[in-house]
Amino acid sequence: MNILVVRTDKLGDFVTALPAIYVLKNHNPQNRVIVCVAPLNKTLAQSCDFIDEVIVDDGGSFWGLVAKLREAKIDASITLFSNTRVALAQFLAGIPKRIAPATKIAQIFYTSRVVQRRSEVKMAEFEYNLELTKALFSDITLEYKKPLLEFIDAKEIYRVFCANNDITRETIAFHVGFGGSSDANWSLDEYEILIRAVVKQDRYQVVLTFGPDEKGLFEEMQNRLFDVNVVFYLSLEGLVYFAKLVSNFKLFVSTSTGTYHIASLVGTPTMTFFADNLFASAKRWKSIGDEKLQKHFMIPYDKEKREELFEEVKKALLCY
């Protein structure tokens, strides 16, 4: 059976789709699992051994997308997050069984519409994605391995990184950028206080990571922390290299964004900051890794409560 899974939005959103993709393949290894993703997520999808084919929707030619879907000879599709473009493309590609959440006007193009009401946040995003697979296989097992993604050359990647940056201790990484759909974060002043506190403790090597579009932030943090032993890493080698590198870190500290989901995907402990509202909360956006390795903080809007939480986070970092 050729099964298509569609998730064409951002990095973190795609990571939340991976457990659903895994269980579809694991349900019957003879299934051919195809994914339709945004260009950003192509290489990550190709690195997953439970994905057989990757179709990229770059937002360009609509009929080109329809042609790609037709060529894949798909028997059934599960669209985890829908829009009119991907819904109509599947309809015109003649996919016999098309499953999606019963939301938005695009639902008229699907043969099976599942009521989920994700806005109520009764479960996490990745759990809603897993639930959708039951519409195709009612007896499917929703358990998946953790970490879900491992690399045989990750340790060598990290060894070379350490040699190039004179790192001789375990690493705590900070990703200070906002990014993705995160709704709360510490200020750069607050991050600087946290980073300096960890450096002063002299137990771990601190690495600051930055996405390829964060060069300005990369330079600003270099100027702020010019006088301390911190490694600044601007990620230019691609998403898969970044995932391999992060998989070796002792702890990954960031707001709720794509890099946090990558860290959890590869089994790295995370300390993550969320907005104090249900839509952007840890309840909705906890990641797919082992929950025991995830430490979540909800940043309050109240100034006094925010200051109290900041001290709690600082203490937690220094006790790690």
C-alpha atoms as a PDB file:
ATOM      1  CA  MET A   1       0.000   0.000   0.000  1.00  0.00           C
ATOM      2  CA  ASN A   2       1.337   3.453  -0.915  1.00  0.00           C
ATOM      3  CA  ILE A   3       0.535   5.895   1.889  1.00  0.00           C
ATOM      4  CA  LEU A   4       1.069   9.649   1.653  1.00  0.00           C
ATOM      5  CA  VAL A   5       1.521  11.804   4.765  1.00  0.00           C
ATOM      6  CA  VAL A   6       1.256  15.558   4.213  1.00  0.00           C
ATOM      7  CA  ARG A   7       2.792  18.135   6.536  1.00  0.00           C
ATOM      8  CA  THR A   8       4.062  21.137   4.578  1.00  0.00           C
ATOM      9  CA  ASP A   9       4.536  23.715   7.334  1.00  0.00           C
ATOM     10  CA  LYS A  10       7.501  24.565   9.582  1.00  0.00           C
ATOM     11  CA  LEU A  11      10.329  22.488  11.033  1.00  0.00           C
ATOM     12  CA  GLY A  12       8.849  21.871  14.483  1.00  0.00           C
ATOM     13  CA  ASP A  13       5.486  21.012  12.967  1.00  0.00           C
ATOM     14  CA  PHE A  14       7.108  18.427  10.710  1.00  0.00           C
ATOM     15  CA  VAL A  15       8.939  16.827  13.648  1.00  0.00           C
ATOM     16  CA  THR A  16       5.570  16.397  15.391  1.00  0.00           C
ATOM     17  CA  ALA A  17       4.471  14.393  12.330  1.00  0.00           C
ATOM     18  CA  LEU A  18       7.303  11.864  12.534  1.00  0.00           C
ATOM     19  CA  PRO A  19       5.770   9.531  15.156  1.00  0.00           C
ATOM     20  CA  ALA A  20       2.648   9.182  12.983  1.00  0.00           C
ATOM     21  CA  ILE A  21       4.809   8.437   9.945  1.00  0.00           C
ATOM     22  CA  TYR A  22       6.823   5.881  11.929  1.00  0.00           C
ATOM     23  CA  VAL A  23       3.787   3.964  13.183  1.00  0.00           C
ATOM     24  CA  LEU A  24       2.328   3.791   9.664  1.00  0.00           C
ATOM     25  CA  LYS A  25       5.518   2.149   8.429  1.00  0.00           C
ATOM     26  CA  ASN A  26       5.842  -0.060  11.493  1.00  0.00           C
ATOM     27  CA  HIS A  27       2.230  -1.244  11.167  1.00  0.00           C
ATOM     28  CA  ASN A  28       3.213  -3.042   7.981  1.00  0.00           C
ATOM     29  CA  PRO A  29       6.804  -2.698   6.703  1.00  0.00           C
ATOM     30  CA  GLN A  30       5.481  -3.543   3.231  1.00  0.00           C
ATOM     31  CA  ASN A  31       3.680  -0.206   3.183  1.00  0.00           C
ATOM     32  CA  ARG A  32       5.436   2.399   1.070  1.00  0.00           C
ATOM     33  CA  VAL A  33       5.340   5.618   3.091  1.00  0.00           C
ATOM     34  CA  ILE A  34       5.655   8.842   1.129  1.00  0.00           C
ATOM     35  CA  VAL A  35       5.749  12.308   2.674  1.00  0.00           C
ATOM     36  CA  CYS A  36       4.949  15.699   1.207  1.00  0.00           C
ATOM     37  CA  VAL A  37       6.960  18.404   2.956  1.00  0.00           C
ATOM     38  CA  ALA A  38       8.207  21.968   2.662  1.00  0.00           C
ATOM     39  CA  PRO A  39      11.709  22.419   1.131  1.00  0.00           C
ATOM     40  CA  LEU A  40      13.226  23.117   4.566  1.00  0.00           C
ATOM     41  CA  ASN A  41      12.369  19.623   5.771  1.00  0.00           C
ATOM     42  CA  LYS A  42      13.484  17.633   2.710  1.00  0.00           C
ATOM     43  CA  THR A  43      16.884  16.449   3.983  1.00  0.00           C
ATOM     44  CA  LEU A  44      15.538  15.612   7.443  1.00  0.00           C
ATOM     45  CA  ALA A  45      12.787  13.510   5.888  1.00  0.00           C
ATOM     46  CA  GLN A  46      15.318  11.753   3.657  1.00  0.00           C
ATOM     47  CA  SER A  47      17.377  10.808   6.713  1.00  0.00           C
ATOM     48  CA  CYS A  48      14.485   8.844   8.291  1.00  0.00           C
ATOM     49  CA  ASP A  49      14.671   5.134   7.441  1.00  0.00           C
ATOM     50  CA  PHE A  50      10.891   4.787   7.921  1.00  0.00           C
ATOM     51  CA  ILE A  51      10.219   7.199   5.026  1.00  0.00           C
ATOM     52  CA  ASP A  52      10.470   5.675   1.546  1.00  0.00           C
ATOM     53  CA  GLU A  53       9.963   8.737  -0.658  1.00  0.00           C
ATOM     54  CA  VAL A  54       9.931  12.500  -0.229  1.00  0.00           C
ATOM     55  CA  ILE A  55       7.811  14.865  -2.324  1.00  0.00           C
ATOM     56  CA  VAL A  56       8.633  18.543  -1.881  1.00  0.00           C
ATOM     57  CA  ASP A  57       5.959  21.211  -2.212  1.00  0.00           C
ATOM     58  CA  ASP A  58       7.831  24.460  -2.755  1.00  0.00           C
ATOM     59  CA  GLY A  59       4.676  26.494  -3.258  1.00  0.00           C
ATOM     60  CA  GLY A  60       5.398  26.826  -6.975  1.00  0.00           C
ATOM     61  CA  SER A  61       3.548  25.099  -9.787  1.00  0.00           C
ATOM     62  CA  PHE A  62       0.259  23.688  -8.523  1.00  0.00           C
ATOM     63  CA  TRP A  63      -0.075  21.323 -11.479  1.00  0.00           C
ATOM     64  CA  GLY A  64       3.508  20.229 -10.912  1.00  0.00           C
ATOM     65  CA  LEU A  65       2.497  19.127  -7.413  1.00  0.00           C
ATOM     66  CA  VAL A  66      -0.534  17.286  -8.798  1.00  0.00           C
ATOM     67  CA  ALA A  67       1.739  15.490 -11.288  1.00  0.00           C
ATOM     68  CA  LYS A  68       4.133  14.410  -8.525  1.00  0.00           C
ATOM     69  CA  LEU A  69       1.257  12.979  -6.500  1.00  0.00           C
ATOM     70  CA  ARG A  70      -0.160  11.124  -9.482  1.00  0.00           C
ATOM     71  CA  GLU A  71       3.238   9.655 -10.317  1.00  0.00           C
ATOM     72  CA  ALA A  72       3.560   8.250  -6.765  1.00  0.00           C
ATOM     73  CA  LYS A  73       0.438   6.079  -7.312  1.00  0.00           C
ATOM     74  CA  ILE A  74      -0.876   6.756  -3.821  1.00  0.00           C
ATOM     75  CA  ASP A  75      -3.591   4.531  -2.339  1.00  0.00           C
ATOM     76  CA  ALA A  76      -4.375   6.625   0.733  1.00  0.00           C
ATOM     77  CA  SER A  77      -3.279   9.913   2.248  1.00  0.00           C
ATOM     78  CA  ILE A  78      -3.288  11.441   5.711  1.00  0.00           C
ATOM     79  CA  THR A  79      -3.001  15.218   5.778  1.00  0.00           C
ATOM     80  CA  LEU A  80      -1.949  16.274   9.255  1.00  0.00           C
ATOM     81  CA  PHE A  81      -2.308  19.998   8.582  1.00  0.00           C
ATOM     82  CA  SER A  82      -4.379  21.006   5.592  1.00  0.00           C
ATOM     83  CA  ASN A  83      -4.775  23.968   3.288  1.00  0.00           C
ATOM     84  CA  THR A  84      -6.715  24.366   0.078  1.00  0.00           C
ATOM     85  CA  ARG A  85      -3.634  23.854  -2.110  1.00  0.00           C
ATOM     86  CA  VAL A  86      -2.665  20.416  -0.790  1.00  0.00           C
ATOM     87  CA  ALA A  87      -6.290  19.322  -0.412  1.00  0.00           C
ATOM     88  CA  LEU A  88      -7.233  20.155  -4.011  1.00  0.00           C
ATOM     89  CA  ALA A  89      -3.968  18.701  -5.350  1.00  0.00           C
ATOM     90  CA  GLN A  90      -4.747  15.339  -3.747  1.00  0.00           C
ATOM     91  CA  PHE A  91      -8.300  15.411  -5.097  1.00  0.00           C
ATOM     92  CA  LEU A  92      -7.090  16.116  -8.638  1.00  0.00           C
ATOM     93  CA  ALA A  93      -4.339  13.499  -8.319  1.00  0.00           C
ATOM     94  CA  GLY A  94      -7.087  10.906  -7.858  1.00  0.00           C
ATOM     95  CA  ILE A  95      -5.998   9.554  -4.464  1.00  0.00           C
ATOM     96  CA  PRO A  96      -8.858   7.166  -3.528  1.00  0.00           C
ATOM     97  CA  LYS A  97      -8.821   7.614   0.257  1.00  0.00           C
ATOM     98  CA  ARG A  98      -7.967  11.047   1.658  1.00  0.00           C
ATOM     99  CA  ILE A  99      -7.979  11.620   5.434  1.00  0.00           C
ATOM    100  CA  ALA A 100      -7.656  14.959   7.252  1.00  0.00           C
ATOM    101  CA  PRO A 101      -8.914  16.810  10.328  1.00  0.00           C
ATOM    102  CA  ALA A 102     -12.394  18.282   9.861  1.00  0.00           C
ATOM    103  CA  THR A 103     -11.292  21.915   9.808  1.00  0.00           C
ATOM    104  CA  LYS A 104     -11.296  24.752   7.269  1.00  0.00           C
ATOM    105  CA  ILE A 105     -13.097  24.844   3.956  1.00  0.00           C
ATOM    106  CA  ALA A 106     -10.425  22.507   2.497  1.00  0.00           C
ATOM    107  CA  GLN A 107     -12.088  19.568   4.251  1.00  0.00           C
ATOM    108  CA  ILE A 108     -14.582  19.266   1.377  1.00  0.00           C
ATOM    109  CA  PHE A 109     -11.816  17.696  -0.743  1.00  0.00           C
ATOM    110  CA  TYR A 110     -11.246  14.762   1.644  1.00  0.00           C
ATOM    111  CA  THR A 111     -13.092  11.446   1.739  1.00  0.00           C
ATOM    112  CA  SER A 112     -12.622  11.004   5.517  1.00  0.00           C
ATOM    113  CA  ARG A 113     -12.869  14.002   7.835  1.00  0.00           C
ATOM    114  CA  VAL A 114     -11.891  13.402  11.466  1.00  0.00           C
ATOM    115  CA  VAL A 115     -13.216  15.753  14.143  1.00  0.00           C
ATOM    116  CA  GLN A 116     -10.333  16.616  16.481  1.00  0.00           C
ATOM    117  CA  ARG A 117     -10.850  20.214  17.740  1.00  0.00           C
ATOM    118  CA  ARG A 118      -7.123  20.762  18.249  1.00  0.00           C
ATOM    119  CA  SER A 119      -7.765  24.266  19.600  1.00  0.00           C
ATOM    120  CA  GLU A 120      -9.064  22.643  22.794  1.00  0.00           C
ATOM    121  CA  VAL A 121      -5.564  21.174  23.364  1.00  0.00           C
ATOM    122  CA  LYS A 122      -6.766  17.952  24.922  1.00  0.00           C
ATOM    123  CA  MET A 123      -3.477  16.405  23.821  1.00  0.00           C
ATOM    124  CA  ALA A 124      -0.190  17.472  22.242  1.00  0.00           C
ATOM    125  CA  GLU A 125       0.144  18.201  18.526  1.00  0.00           C
ATOM    126  CA  PHE A 126       2.080  15.003  17.851  1.00  0.00           C
ATOM    127  CA  GLU A 127      -0.578  12.988  19.715  1.00  0.00           C
ATOM    128  CA  TYR A 128      -3.315  14.438  17.502  1.00  0.00           C
ATOM    129  CA  ASN A 129      -1.198  13.415  14.504  1.00  0.00           C
ATOM    130  CA  LEU A 130      -0.904   9.874  15.848  1.00  0.00           C
ATOM    131  CA  GLU A 131      -4.664   9.695  16.408  1.00  0.00           C
ATOM    132  CA  LEU A 132      -5.307  10.446  12.738  1.00  0.00           C
ATOM    133  CA  THR A 133      -3.554   7.223  11.714  1.00  0.00           C
ATOM    134  CA  LYS A 134      -6.417   5.263  13.316  1.00  0.00           C
ATOM    135  CA  ALA A 135      -8.693   6.522  10.555  1.00  0.00           C
ATOM    136  CA  LEU A 136      -6.653   4.402   8.150  1.00  0.00           C
ATOM    137  CA  PHE A 137      -5.824   1.430  10.390  1.00  0.00           C
ATOM    138  CA  SER A 138      -8.129   1.030  13.386  1.00  0.00           C
ATOM    139  CA  ASP A 139      -5.818  -1.578  14.951  1.00  0.00           C
ATOM    140  CA  ILE A 140      -2.591   0.423  14.544  1.00  0.00           C
ATOM    141  CA  THR A 141      -0.172   0.574  17.498  1.00  0.00           C
ATOM    142  CA  LEU A 142       0.719   4.155  18.376  1.00  0.00           C
ATOM    143  CA  GLU A 143       3.933   3.382  20.264  1.00  0.00           C
ATOM    144  CA  TYR A 144       7.194   4.544  18.684  1.00  0.00           C
ATOM    145  CA  LYS A 145      10.872   4.299  19.559  1.00  0.00           C
ATOM    146  CA  LYS A 146      12.693   7.054  21.446  1.00  0.00           C
ATOM    147  CA  PRO A 147      14.847   8.643  20.272  1.00  0.00           C
ATOM    148  CA  LEU A 148      13.093   8.373  16.956  1.00  0.00           C
ATOM    149  CA  LEU A 149      16.116   9.414  14.893  1.00  0.00           C
ATOM    150  CA  GLU A 150      19.708   8.224  15.390  1.00  0.00           C
ATOM    151  CA  PHE A 151      22.825   8.616  13.251  1.00  0.00           C
ATOM    152  CA  ILE A 152      25.759   6.219  13.087  1.00  0.00           C
ATOM    153  CA  ASP A 153      28.220   9.050  12.386  1.00  0.00           C
ATOM    154  CA  ALA A 154      26.938  11.524  15.014  1.00  0.00           C
ATOM    155  CA  LYS A 155      29.751  10.858  17.486  1.00  0.00           C
ATOM    156  CA  GLU A 156      32.391  11.429  14.801  1.00  0.00           C
ATOM    157  CA  ILE A 157      30.699  14.686  13.779  1.00  0.00           C
ATOM    158  CA  TYR A 158      30.843  15.815  17.405  1.00  0.00           C
ATOM    159  CA  ARG A 159      34.455  14.666  17.851  1.00  0.00           C
ATOM    160  CA  VAL A 160      35.554  16.833  14.937  1.00  0.00           C
ATOM    161  CA  PHE A 161      33.463  19.759  16.206  1.00  0.00           C
ATOM    162  CA  CYS A 162      35.103  19.507  19.640  1.00  0.00           C
ATOM    163  CA  ALA A 163      38.591  19.263  18.141  1.00  0.00           C
ATOM    164  CA  ASN A 164      37.962  22.332  15.969  1.00  0.00           C
ATOM    165  CA  ASN A 165      36.623  24.367  18.898  1.00  0.00           C
ATOM    166  CA  ASP A 166      38.967  23.139  21.651  1.00  0.00           C
ATOM    167  CA  ILE A 167      36.101  21.554  23.622  1.00  0.00           C
ATOM    168  CA  THR A 168      37.154  19.081  26.299  1.00  0.00           C
ATOM    169  CA  ARG A 169      34.035  18.973  28.509  1.00  0.00           C
ATOM    170  CA  GLU A 170      30.366  18.101  28.159  1.00  0.00           C
ATOM    171  CA  THR A 171      28.352  20.765  26.376  1.00  0.00           C
ATOM    172  CA  ILE A 172      25.309  22.823  27.298  1.00  0.00           C
ATOM    173  CA  ALA A 173      23.897  24.613  24.274  1.00  0.00           C
ATOM    174  CA  PHE A 174      21.785  27.765  24.212  1.00  0.00           C
ATOM    175  CA  HIS A 175      19.669  28.750  21.218  1.00  0.00           C
ATOM    176  CA  VAL A 176      18.670  32.326  22.035  1.00  0.00           C
ATOM    177  CA  GLY A 177      16.711  33.058  18.849  1.00  0.00           C
ATOM    178  CA  PHE A 178      12.941  33.331  18.760  1.00  0.00           C
ATOM    179  CA  GLY A 179      11.929  31.593  15.527  1.00  0.00           C
ATOM    180  CA  GLY A 180       9.027  29.388  14.552  1.00  0.00           C
ATOM    181  CA  SER A 181       5.697  30.026  16.242  1.00  0.00           C
ATOM    182  CA  SER A 182       7.102  30.491  19.747  1.00  0.00           C
ATOM    183  CA  ASP A 183       5.230  33.132  21.722  1.00  0.00           C
ATOM    184  CA  ALA A 184       7.602  33.720  24.632  1.00  0.00           C
ATOM    185  CA  ASN A 185      11.314  33.914  25.298  1.00  0.00           C
ATOM    186  CA  TRP A 186      13.860  35.536  27.580  1.00  0.00           C
ATOM    187  CA  SER A 187      15.452  38.787  26.459  1.00  0.00           C
ATOM    188  CA  LEU A 188      19.066  38.764  25.284  1.00  0.00           C
ATOM    189  CA  ASP A 189      20.020  40.485  28.548  1.00  0.00           C
ATOM    190  CA  GLU A 190      18.412  37.641  30.485  1.00  0.00           C
ATOM    191  CA  TYR A 191      20.061  35.001  28.326  1.00  0.00           C
ATOM    192  CA  GLU A 192      23.413  36.691  28.868  1.00  0.00           C
ATOM    193  CA  ILE A 193      22.944  36.436  32.637  1.00  0.00           C
ATOM    194  CA  LEU A 194      22.115  32.720  32.371  1.00  0.00           C
ATOM    195  CA  ILE A 195      25.038  31.994  30.066  1.00  0.00           C
ATOM    196  CA  ARG A 196      27.552  33.872  32.190  1.00  0.00           C
ATOM    197  CA  ALA A 197      26.312  32.031  35.286  1.00  0.00           C
ATOM    198  CA  VAL A 198      26.886  28.633  33.631  1.00  0.00           C
ATOM    199  CA  VAL A 199      30.309  29.671  32.319  1.00  0.00           C
ATOM    200  CA  LYS A 200      31.346  30.952  35.748  1.00  0.00           C
ATOM    201  CA  GLN A 201      30.469  27.621  37.310  1.00  0.00           C
ATOM    202  CA  ASP A 202      33.187  26.105  35.080  1.00  0.00           C
ATOM    203  CA  ARG A 203      31.566  22.660  34.744  1.00  0.00           C
ATOM    204  CA  TYR A 204      30.398  22.632  31.144  1.00  0.00           C
ATOM    205  CA  GLN A 205      31.426  24.067  27.826  1.00  0.00           C
ATOM    206  CA  VAL A 206      28.773  26.502  26.607  1.00  0.00           C
ATOM    207  CA  VAL A 207      27.869  26.545  22.904  1.00  0.00           C
ATOM    208  CA  LEU A 208      25.518  29.101  21.363  1.00  0.00           C
ATOM    209  CA  THR A 209      23.749  27.885  18.218  1.00  0.00           C
ATOM    210  CA  PHE A 210      22.233  30.066  15.500  1.00  0.00           C
ATOM    211  CA  GLY A 211      20.242  29.297  12.377  1.00  0.00           C
ATOM    212  CA  PRO A 212      21.569  30.304   8.947  1.00  0.00           C
ATOM    213  CA  ASP A 213      19.262  33.346   8.918  1.00  0.00           C
ATOM    214  CA  GLU A 214      20.425  34.572  12.347  1.00  0.00           C
ATOM    215  CA  LYS A 215      23.779  36.099  11.413  1.00  0.00           C
ATOM    216  CA  GLY A 216      22.882  39.418  13.034  1.00  0.00           C
ATOM    217  CA  LEU A 217      22.011  37.712  16.305  1.00  0.00           C
ATOM    218  CA  PHE A 218      25.186  35.604  16.028  1.00  0.00           C
ATOM    219  CA  GLU A 219      27.289  38.789  15.811  1.00  0.00           C
ATOM    220  CA  GLU A 220      25.417  40.527  18.627  1.00  0.00           C
ATOM    221  CA  MET A 221      25.979  37.647  21.034  1.00  0.00           C
ATOM    222  CA  GLN A 222      29.658  37.536  20.070  1.00  0.00           C
ATOM    223  CA  ASN A 223      29.915  41.202  21.049  1.00  0.00           C
ATOM    224  CA  ARG A 224      28.056  40.624  24.301  1.00  0.00           C
ATOM    225  CA  LEU A 225      30.126  37.601  25.353  1.00  0.00           C
ATOM    226  CA  PHE A 226      33.532  38.478  23.917  1.00  0.00           C
ATOM    227  CA  ASP A 227      35.206  38.060  27.306  1.00  0.00           C
ATOM    228  CA  VAL A 228      34.066  34.539  28.229  1.00  0.00           C
ATOM    229  CA  ASN A 229      34.788  31.025  26.970  1.00  0.00           C
ATOM    230  CA  VAL A 230      31.785  30.412  24.721  1.00  0.00           C
ATOM    231  CA  VAL A 231      31.675  28.689  21.328  1.00  0.00           C
ATOM    232  CA  PHE A 232      29.472  30.437  18.745  1.00  0.00           C
ATOM    233  CA  TYR A 233      28.084  28.120  16.087  1.00  0.00           C
ATOM    234  CA  LEU A 234      26.311  29.503  13.009  1.00  0.00           C
ATOM    235  CA  SER A 235      24.611  26.511  11.383  1.00  0.00           C
ATOM    236  CA  LEU A 236      25.500  26.556   7.689  1.00  0.00           C
ATOM    237  CA  GLU A 237      26.050  22.821   7.081  1.00  0.00           C
ATOM    238  CA  GLY A 238      22.364  21.935   6.883  1.00  0.00           C
ATOM    239  CA  LEU A 239      19.650  20.564   9.114  1.00  0.00           C
ATOM    240  CA  VAL A 240      20.853  16.959   9.271  1.00  0.00           C
ATOM    241  CA  TYR A 241      24.386  17.985  10.315  1.00  0.00           C
ATOM    242  CA  PHE A 242      22.820  20.183  13.013  1.00  0.00           C
ATOM    243  CA  ALA A 243      20.731  17.254  14.275  1.00  0.00           C
ATOM    244  CA  LYS A 244      23.816  15.042  14.453  1.00  0.00           C
ATOM    245  CA  LEU A 245      25.704  17.691  16.389  1.00  0.00           C
ATOM    246  CA  VAL A 246      22.866  18.417  18.825  1.00  0.00           C
ATOM    247  CA  SER A 247      22.429  14.714  19.580  1.00  0.00           C
ATOM    248  CA  ASN A 248      25.718  14.848  21.526  1.00  0.00           C
ATOM    249  CA  PHE A 249      24.898  17.817  23.754  1.00  0.00           C
ATOM    250  CA  LYS A 250      24.313  17.388  27.481  1.00  0.00           C
ATOM    251  CA  LEU A 251      21.421  19.888  27.434  1.00  0.00           C
ATOM    252  CA  PHE A 252      19.723  22.111  24.854  1.00  0.00           C
ATOM    253  CA  VAL A 253      18.229  25.377  26.180  1.00  0.00           C
ATOM    254  CA  SER A 254      15.826  27.374  24.012  1.00  0.00           C
ATOM    255  CA  THR A 255      12.357  28.721  23.475  1.00  0.00           C
ATOM    256  CA  SER A 256       9.732  26.465  21.902  1.00  0.00           C
ATOM    257  CA  THR A 257      10.919  26.418  18.317  1.00  0.00           C
ATOM    258  CA  GLY A 258      12.088  24.028  15.614  1.00  0.00           C
ATOM    259  CA  THR A 259      15.533  23.514  17.105  1.00  0.00           C
ATOM    260  CA  TYR A 260      13.981  22.356  20.384  1.00  0.00           C
ATOM    261  CA  HIS A 261      11.984  19.738  18.509  1.00  0.00           C
ATOM    262  CA  ILE A 262      15.134  18.588  16.683  1.00  0.00           C
ATOM    263  CA  ALA A 263      16.966  18.202  20.004  1.00  0.00           C
ATOM    264  CA  SER A 264      14.159  16.091  21.456  1.00  0.00           C
ATOM    265  CA  LEU A 265      13.871  14.064  18.245  1.00  0.00           C
ATOM    266  CA  VAL A 266      17.498  12.900  18.581  1.00  0.00           C
ATOM    267  CA  GLY A 267      17.281  12.213  22.329  1.00  0.00           C
ATOM    268  CA  THR A 268      18.953  15.302  23.795  1.00  0.00           C
ATOM    269  CA  PRO A 269      17.649  16.613  27.151  1.00  0.00           C
ATOM    270  CA  THR A 270      15.891  19.962  26.720  1.00  0.00           C
ATOM    271  CA  MET A 271      15.063  22.987  28.841  1.00  0.00           C
ATOM    272  CA  THR A 272      12.378  24.905  26.992  1.00  0.00           C
ATOM    273  CA  PHE A 273      10.435  28.137  27.472  1.00  0.00           C
ATOM    274  CA  PHE A 274       6.772  28.489  26.506  1.00  0.00           C
ATOM    275  CA  ALA A 275       4.190  31.250  26.610  1.00  0.00           C
ATOM    276  CA  ASP A 276       1.729  31.188  29.485  1.00  0.00           C
ATOM    277  CA  ASN A 277      -1.303  30.442  27.322  1.00  0.00           C
ATOM    278  CA  LEU A 278      -2.911  27.204  26.182  1.00  0.00           C
ATOM    279  CA  PHE A 279      -2.316  27.709  22.441  1.00  0.00           C
ATOM    280  CA  ALA A 280       1.467  28.043  22.817  1.00  0.00           C
ATOM    281  CA  SER A 281       1.873  25.937  25.950  1.00  0.00           C
ATOM    282  CA  ALA A 282       3.953  22.865  26.678  1.00  0.00           C
ATOM    283  CA  LYS A 283       0.684  20.931  26.853  1.00  0.00           C
ATOM    284  CA  ARG A 284       0.271  21.503  23.133  1.00  0.00           C
ATOM    285  CA  TRP A 285       3.897  21.682  21.985  1.00  0.00           C
ATOM    286  CA  LYS A 286       5.760  19.208  24.170  1.00  0.00           C
ATOM    287  CA  SER A 287       8.061  17.359  21.841  1.00  0.00           C
ATOM    288  CA  ILE A 288       8.180  13.742  20.731  1.00  0.00           C
ATOM    289  CA  GLY A 289      11.150  12.607  22.817  1.00  0.00           C
ATOM    290  CA  ASP A 290      11.198  11.011  26.260  1.00  0.00           C
ATOM    291  CA  GLU A 291       9.162  13.285  28.550  1.00  0.00           C
ATOM    292  CA  LYS A 292      11.615  12.632  31.400  1.00  0.00           C
ATOM    293  CA  LEU A 293      14.253  14.456  29.334  1.00  0.00           C
ATOM    294  CA  GLN A 294      12.077  17.538  28.782  1.00  0.00           C
ATOM    295  CA  LYS A 295      11.926  20.364  31.336  1.00  0.00           C
ATOM    296  CA  HIS A 296       9.295  22.991  30.508  1.00  0.00           C
ATOM    297  CA  PHE A 297       8.877  26.523  31.851  1.00  0.00           C
ATOM    298  CA  MET A 298       5.882  28.760  31.117  1.00  0.00           C
ATOM    299  CA  ILE A 299       7.027  32.388  31.046  1.00  0.00           C
ATOM    300  CA  PRO A 300       4.329  34.511  32.766  1.00  0.00           C
ATOM    301  CA  TYR A 301       3.199  37.900  31.487  1.00  0.00           C
ATOM    302  CA  ASP A 302       3.322  39.426  34.959  1.00  0.00           C
ATOM    303  CA  LYS A 303       6.683  41.141  35.504  1.00  0.00           C
ATOM    304  CA  GLU A 304       7.130  40.060  39.116  1.00  0.00           C
ATOM    305  CA  LYS A 305       6.241  36.445  38.371  1.00  0.00           C
ATOM    306  CA  ARG A 306       8.558  36.513  35.352  1.00  0.00           C
ATOM    307  CA  GLU A 307      11.456  37.624  37.570  1.00  0.00           C
ATOM    308  CA  GLU A 308      10.694  34.844  40.053  1.00  0.00           C
ATOM    309  CA  LEU A 309      10.659  32.253  37.272  1.00  0.00           C
ATOM    310  CA  PHE A 310      13.923  33.586  35.878  1.00  0.00           C
ATOM    311  CA  GLU A 311      15.618  32.904  39.204  1.00  0.00           C
ATOM    312  CA  GLU A 312      14.123  29.415  39.217  1.00  0.00           C
ATOM    313  CA  VAL A 313      15.487  28.736  35.735  1.00  0.00           C
ATOM    314  CA  LYS A 314      18.915  30.037  36.728  1.00  0.00           C
ATOM    315  CA  LYS A 315      18.956  27.760  39.748  1.00  0.00           C
ATOM    316  CA  ALA A 316      17.893  24.781  37.665  1.00  0.00           C
ATOM    317  CA  LEU A 317      20.713  25.419  35.183  1.00  0.00           C
ATOM    318  CA  LEU A 318      23.343  25.717  37.908  1.00  0.00           C
ATOM    319  CA  CYS A 319      22.123  22.484  39.524  1.00  0.00           C
ATOM    320  CA  TYR A 320      22.152  20.535  36.276  1.00  0.00           C
END
